[in-house]
Protein backbone atom coordinates (compact mmCIF):
# COMPACT_ATOMS: atom_id res chain seq x y z
CA MET A 1 -10.27 -45.90 -15.12
CA PHE A 2 -7.65 -47.56 -17.38
CA LYS A 3 -5.51 -49.48 -14.36
CA ASP A 4 -4.19 -52.94 -15.97
CA ILE A 5 -3.16 -51.41 -19.34
CA LEU A 6 -1.44 -54.68 -21.45
CA LEU A 7 1.34 -53.96 -24.03
CA PRO A 8 2.33 -56.88 -26.17
CA MET A 9 6.12 -57.20 -26.60
CA LEU A 10 5.38 -60.54 -28.51
CA GLU A 11 7.84 -60.47 -32.25
CA GLY A 12 11.28 -60.04 -29.36
CA ASP A 13 11.12 -56.08 -29.72
CA ILE A 14 10.25 -53.68 -27.27
CA PRO A 15 7.76 -51.12 -29.15
CA GLU A 16 9.14 -48.43 -26.93
CA SER A 17 6.27 -45.75 -28.28
CA ALA A 18 3.82 -47.68 -27.12
CA LEU A 19 5.45 -48.64 -23.96
CA HIS A 20 5.91 -44.56 -23.48
CA HIS A 21 2.20 -43.63 -23.80
CA ALA A 22 1.05 -47.34 -21.90
CA ARG A 23 3.50 -45.67 -18.57
CA VAL A 24 1.66 -42.13 -19.17
CA LEU A 25 -1.22 -43.30 -19.45
CA ALA A 26 -1.15 -45.66 -16.02
CA GLU A 27 0.63 -42.99 -14.02
CA GLY A 28 -1.88 -40.65 -14.53
CA CYS A 29 -4.47 -43.50 -13.17
CA GLY A 30 -2.87 -44.28 -11.02
CA GLY A 31 -2.53 -48.46 -13.52
CA ARG A 32 -0.45 -50.67 -13.98
CA VAL A 33 1.88 -52.21 -16.96
CA THR A 34 1.71 -55.46 -16.89
CA ALA A 35 4.11 -56.52 -20.25
CA LEU A 36 3.30 -59.93 -22.29
CA VAL A 37 6.05 -61.87 -23.77
CA ALA A 38 5.09 -64.61 -26.43
CA VAL A 39 7.29 -66.87 -28.52
CA SER A 40 4.64 -68.81 -30.96
CA ALA A 41 5.92 -71.84 -32.04
CA TYR A 42 2.35 -72.20 -34.43
CA LEU A 43 2.41 -74.59 -37.02
CA PRO A 44 -0.63 -73.39 -39.75
CA ALA A 45 -0.40 -76.72 -42.23
CA SER A 46 -2.32 -79.75 -39.55
CA ALA A 47 -0.64 -82.74 -42.16
CA ASP A 48 2.39 -81.51 -40.73
CA TRP A 49 1.40 -83.79 -37.72
CA VAL A 50 1.25 -86.49 -38.81
CA ARG A 51 4.52 -86.39 -41.23
CA ARG A 52 6.93 -84.49 -39.11
CA PRO A 53 8.30 -86.91 -35.83
CA LEU A 54 7.62 -86.22 -32.67
CA ALA A 55 10.91 -85.46 -31.12
CA THR A 56 11.01 -81.94 -33.70
CA TYR A 57 7.93 -80.45 -31.46
CA GLU A 58 9.76 -81.50 -28.51
CA THR A 59 13.14 -79.83 -29.72
CA LEU A 60 10.63 -76.17 -30.70
CA HIS A 61 8.58 -76.84 -27.71
CA GLN A 62 12.45 -76.50 -25.91
CA ALA A 63 13.69 -73.27 -28.11
CA ALA A 64 10.16 -71.60 -27.70
CA THR A 65 10.92 -72.28 -23.77
CA SER A 66 14.30 -71.18 -23.95
CA ALA A 67 14.01 -67.67 -26.46
CA LEU A 68 10.59 -67.07 -23.66
CA ALA A 69 13.07 -67.08 -20.91
CA GLU A 70 15.90 -64.32 -22.61
CA GLN A 71 12.29 -61.99 -23.98
CA VAL A 72 11.51 -61.87 -20.24
CA ARG A 73 14.63 -61.47 -19.23
CA ASN A 74 15.02 -57.81 -21.25
CA VAL A 75 11.77 -57.10 -21.07
CA GLU A 76 12.26 -57.21 -16.95
CA ALA A 77 15.77 -55.01 -17.74
CA ARG A 78 14.07 -52.73 -20.11
CA LEU A 79 11.08 -51.93 -17.83
CA ALA A 80 12.94 -51.68 -14.35
CA ARG A 81 13.90 -48.38 -15.29
CA GLU A 82 10.73 -47.01 -15.58
CA THR A 83 9.04 -45.56 -12.29
CA VAL A 84 4.93 -47.06 -13.31
CA GLN A 85 3.70 -49.92 -11.50
CA HIS A 86 4.60 -53.31 -14.29
CA GLU A 87 4.00 -56.85 -14.96
CA VAL A 88 6.01 -58.88 -16.90
CA ARG A 89 3.67 -61.79 -18.16
CA GLY A 90 5.23 -64.65 -20.37
CA SER A 91 2.63 -66.31 -22.17
CA GLN A 92 3.49 -70.65 -23.08
CA ALA A 93 1.51 -70.68 -25.57
CA PHE A 94 2.88 -71.95 -27.74
CA TRP A 95 1.15 -73.99 -30.30
CA SER A 96 -1.15 -70.87 -30.65
CA THR A 97 -0.94 -67.88 -32.90
CA PRO A 98 0.02 -64.68 -31.66
CA ALA A 99 -3.99 -63.53 -31.64
CA GLU A 100 -4.69 -66.04 -30.18
CA ILE A 101 -2.36 -65.70 -27.07
CA LEU A 102 -2.82 -61.39 -27.12
CA ALA A 103 -6.73 -62.62 -26.73
CA ALA A 104 -6.92 -63.84 -23.77
CA GLN A 105 -4.41 -62.01 -21.84
CA ALA A 106 -6.94 -59.33 -22.84
CA HIS A 107 -9.86 -60.36 -21.11
CA ILE A 108 -8.57 -59.41 -17.76
CA ALA A 109 -7.63 -56.19 -18.97
CA ASP A 110 -8.81 -52.82 -19.51
CA LEU A 111 -6.88 -51.75 -22.74
CA ILE A 112 -4.55 -52.79 -25.00
CA VAL A 113 -1.17 -50.17 -26.30
CA LEU A 114 -0.59 -51.95 -29.90
CA GLU A 115 2.03 -50.04 -31.22
CA ALA A 116 2.00 -49.30 -35.52
CA ARG A 117 4.47 -50.01 -37.99
CA ARG A 118 4.37 -49.01 -41.33
CA PRO A 119 3.71 -50.29 -44.33
CA LEU A 120 1.19 -52.49 -42.48
CA ASP A 121 2.04 -56.28 -43.54
CA GLU A 122 -0.21 -58.86 -42.53
CA PRO A 123 0.28 -60.48 -39.75
CA GLY A 124 0.21 -57.00 -37.84
CA ARG A 125 -3.29 -56.41 -39.80
CA HIS A 126 -3.84 -60.38 -37.84
CA LEU A 127 -2.82 -59.09 -34.95
CA PHE A 128 -4.49 -56.23 -35.27
CA ALA A 129 -7.65 -57.79 -35.77
CA GLY A 130 -7.23 -60.76 -33.40
CA ALA A 131 -6.85 -58.21 -30.47
CA LEU A 132 -10.59 -56.24 -31.16
CA ILE A 133 -12.58 -58.67 -32.63
CA GLY A 134 -11.16 -61.00 -30.05
CA SER A 135 -11.15 -59.25 -27.11
CA GLY A 136 -13.12 -57.20 -26.30
CA ARG A 137 -11.09 -54.42 -25.17
CA PRO A 138 -10.20 -52.04 -26.53
CA VAL A 139 -7.28 -51.10 -28.23
CA LEU A 140 -5.00 -48.02 -28.75
CA LEU A 141 -2.70 -48.27 -31.43
CA VAL A 142 0.38 -45.95 -31.85
CA PRO A 143 2.27 -44.65 -34.40
CA ALA A 144 5.57 -45.60 -34.27
CA SER A 145 6.70 -42.44 -34.32
CA ASP A 146 4.74 -40.78 -31.77
CA THR A 147 5.99 -39.29 -28.77
CA PRO A 148 3.64 -40.11 -25.86
CA HIS A 149 2.03 -36.28 -24.78
CA ALA A 150 -1.43 -34.85 -22.72
CA LEU A 151 -4.48 -35.73 -25.12
CA GLY A 152 -5.42 -32.63 -24.87
CA ARG A 153 -8.07 -32.73 -28.22
CA VAL A 154 -9.93 -35.69 -28.98
CA LEU A 155 -11.84 -36.93 -32.06
CA VAL A 156 -14.61 -39.28 -32.01
CA ALA A 157 -16.10 -40.02 -35.20
CA TRP A 158 -19.63 -40.74 -34.69
CA LYS A 159 -21.91 -42.81 -36.00
CA PRO A 160 -26.07 -44.56 -34.56
CA SER A 161 -23.82 -47.98 -34.05
CA ARG A 162 -22.47 -50.45 -31.69
CA GLU A 163 -19.10 -50.44 -32.29
CA ALA A 164 -19.26 -46.81 -32.20
CA ALA A 165 -21.18 -46.68 -29.30
CA ARG A 166 -19.13 -48.67 -26.87
CA ALA A 167 -16.04 -46.45 -28.00
CA LEU A 168 -17.33 -43.19 -26.96
CA HIS A 169 -18.22 -45.12 -23.90
CA ASP A 170 -15.14 -47.08 -23.48
CA ALA A 171 -12.82 -43.44 -24.00
CA MET A 172 -14.92 -41.73 -21.47
CA PRO A 173 -11.68 -41.54 -19.10
CA LEU A 174 -9.87 -40.04 -21.97
CA LEU A 175 -12.65 -37.79 -23.28
CA GLN A 176 -13.27 -36.37 -19.05
CA ALA A 177 -9.83 -35.21 -18.42
CA ALA A 178 -9.59 -33.55 -22.33
CA ALA A 179 -9.91 -30.14 -22.53
CA ARG A 180 -12.24 -30.03 -26.43
CA VAL A 181 -13.65 -32.98 -27.62
CA ASP A 182 -15.01 -32.55 -30.36
CA VAL A 183 -17.71 -35.05 -31.61
CA LEU A 184 -17.16 -35.77 -36.15
CA ILE A 185 -20.75 -37.01 -37.60
CA VAL A 186 -19.61 -37.71 -42.32
CA ASP A 187 -22.64 -36.52 -43.87
CA ARG A 188 -22.24 -39.20 -47.56
CA LYS A 189 -24.49 -38.15 -50.25
CA GLY A 190 -27.41 -40.89 -50.02
CA SER A 191 -27.68 -41.06 -46.42
CA ALA A 192 -29.91 -40.31 -44.15
CA PRO A 193 -30.83 -36.88 -42.41
CA ALA A 194 -29.86 -35.84 -39.93
CA ASP A 195 -31.73 -36.14 -36.17
CA GLY A 196 -31.49 -33.49 -34.24
CA ASP A 197 -33.31 -34.41 -32.08
CA SER A 198 -30.65 -38.08 -31.65
CA ASP A 199 -27.52 -34.92 -31.83
CA ALA A 200 -29.04 -33.32 -28.75
CA MET A 201 -29.84 -36.96 -26.70
CA LEU A 202 -26.26 -37.89 -27.88
CA ILE A 203 -24.06 -34.65 -25.86
CA GLU A 204 -26.74 -34.56 -23.31
CA HIS A 205 -25.22 -37.60 -22.34
CA LEU A 206 -21.83 -36.98 -22.64
CA ARG A 207 -22.46 -33.04 -20.55
CA ARG A 208 -24.34 -36.05 -17.81
CA ARG A 209 -20.43 -37.14 -18.10
CA ALA A 210 -19.32 -33.91 -17.39
CA ILE A 211 -17.75 -33.30 -21.18
CA GLU A 212 -18.49 -30.71 -22.93
CA ALA A 213 -18.55 -32.19 -26.34
CA THR A 214 -19.56 -30.00 -29.94
CA LEU A 215 -20.88 -32.08 -32.35
CA VAL A 216 -19.75 -31.46 -35.55
CA HIS A 217 -21.37 -32.35 -39.00
CA GLN A 218 -18.68 -32.57 -41.99
CA PRO A 219 -19.70 -33.79 -45.72
CA CYS A 220 -17.45 -36.34 -47.23
CA THR A 221 -14.76 -34.65 -48.88
CA GLY A 222 -12.65 -36.82 -49.72
CA ALA A 223 -12.40 -40.59 -51.13
CA SER A 224 -13.73 -42.06 -48.08
CA THR A 225 -15.42 -41.39 -44.52
CA GLY A 226 -11.24 -42.47 -42.34
CA GLU A 227 -9.73 -39.66 -45.72
CA THR A 228 -12.43 -37.20 -44.53
CA ILE A 229 -11.66 -38.21 -40.51
CA ALA A 230 -8.28 -37.53 -40.33
CA ALA A 231 -8.12 -34.77 -42.35
CA TYR A 232 -10.78 -32.58 -39.54
CA ALA A 233 -8.33 -34.28 -36.80
CA ALA A 234 -5.90 -32.85 -38.69
CA GLN A 235 -7.47 -28.72 -38.97
CA MET A 236 -8.48 -29.22 -35.19
CA HIS A 237 -5.09 -30.35 -34.69
CA ALA A 238 -6.44 -33.80 -32.83
CA ASP A 239 -3.77 -35.72 -30.50
CA LEU A 240 -6.54 -38.41 -30.68
CA ILE A 241 -9.34 -40.44 -32.65
CA VAL A 242 -11.69 -42.37 -30.77
CA SER A 243 -13.81 -44.98 -33.86
CA GLY A 244 -15.43 -47.94 -33.96
CA GLY A 245 -13.56 -50.55 -35.48
CA TYR A 246 -15.09 -52.98 -38.21
CA GLY A 247 -18.44 -52.41 -38.32
CA ARG A 248 -18.38 -54.92 -41.46
CA SER A 249 -16.70 -58.44 -42.09
CA ARG A 250 -12.70 -57.30 -41.98
CA ALA A 251 -12.78 -59.18 -45.10
CA LEU A 252 -15.38 -56.68 -46.96
CA GLU A 253 -13.11 -53.79 -45.08
CA GLN A 254 -9.79 -55.69 -46.23
CA VAL A 255 -11.71 -56.01 -50.32
CA PHE A 256 -13.44 -52.54 -50.45
CA GLY A 257 -11.93 -50.76 -47.62
CA GLY A 258 -13.62 -49.03 -44.32
CA VAL A 259 -12.66 -46.42 -41.67
CA THR A 260 -10.79 -49.61 -39.52
CA ARG A 261 -8.81 -49.71 -42.51
CA PHE A 262 -8.01 -45.76 -43.59
CA LEU A 263 -7.29 -45.47 -40.18
CA LEU A 264 -4.94 -49.10 -39.29
CA GLU A 265 -3.06 -47.59 -42.70
CA HIS A 266 -2.62 -43.95 -42.12
CA ALA A 267 -3.71 -42.33 -38.97
CA THR A 268 -0.42 -40.58 -37.56
CA ILE A 269 -1.89 -39.58 -34.28
CA PRO A 270 -3.31 -42.27 -31.40
CA VAL A 271 -5.99 -44.32 -32.52
CA LEU A 272 -9.08 -45.08 -29.75
CA PHE A 273 -10.32 -48.68 -31.64
CA SER A 274 -13.86 -50.46 -30.15
CA HIS A 275 -15.87 -53.33 -31.53
C-alpha cells in the first residue's frame, strides 16, 4: 500500500496534476502526502569556491533560507484546501542538486509522484533520473495536463529483467485494484521465441495475488518498443502503464533511445517506473 507518498515541489511552483494524483492515491489507501519543498543554491564549478569570497556563500544561504520559508508558506496554504492527510517538509540541503535532495528524501517514502511538463528539458530529465535511480523507490510520472481518475485499466510492459520485475511488484496495490490488467510482451524481430512455461508462471504468480491478468504478445509495430507499448496502451484505453526504468544506462538511452526515454518524453497517460 502507498501509505507515504512524496510530492516534490522543487521549482517554486505547485504541480497541480501531480498533487491531485497523489491525493487520490493517498485517500484510496488511507495514506499521507508529503510535499517536499527545497531551494538549491548548488554551484557546479568547484573552482568558484576558491575564487568567491566567503560572504558570497553566506548571502546565498540567507537568500535560500528566506526563499524556502516563503515557499513552505505558499505550499501549506495550498494544501490546507485539501482534505487528505498531508505534511509540508522543507529541505535545507541548499548545497545539493534538486535530484540529490529528492533522492535522499524519498528513501523513506513508498512512492514519488512527479509531473512531466513537456517538452522536457535537461533539468527535468536529470530530476527524473535522480529520483528513479537514486532513491530506490517507484516513480509515478503524470502528464501536466492529466486529470486524475480511477486507474481501472493497467498495462504492464513486461520482459524478464530486474527492472520489469521490480515495477511489477511495486505496482501490486494498483494492479489489485484494477478492473483490467494486460501484461504486454513486445516481440522484436530476431528475439528469442516466447517461453510458454514462463508466461504461464507469470500469470499464475499474479493470480495468487488476486490479479486476473491477460498476457499479450505483440510484434514490434513501430520504430521502437516504446512506440509499440504506447500504441497498445491507446488501443486498450489504458489509464496507467507500468514499466521498468533504465534497463540500460541513462547515457545509452540518451544516445540510442529506449523505452524509458520514449515514455518519459511522449506518454500521454501516467506511467509507474521502477529501477
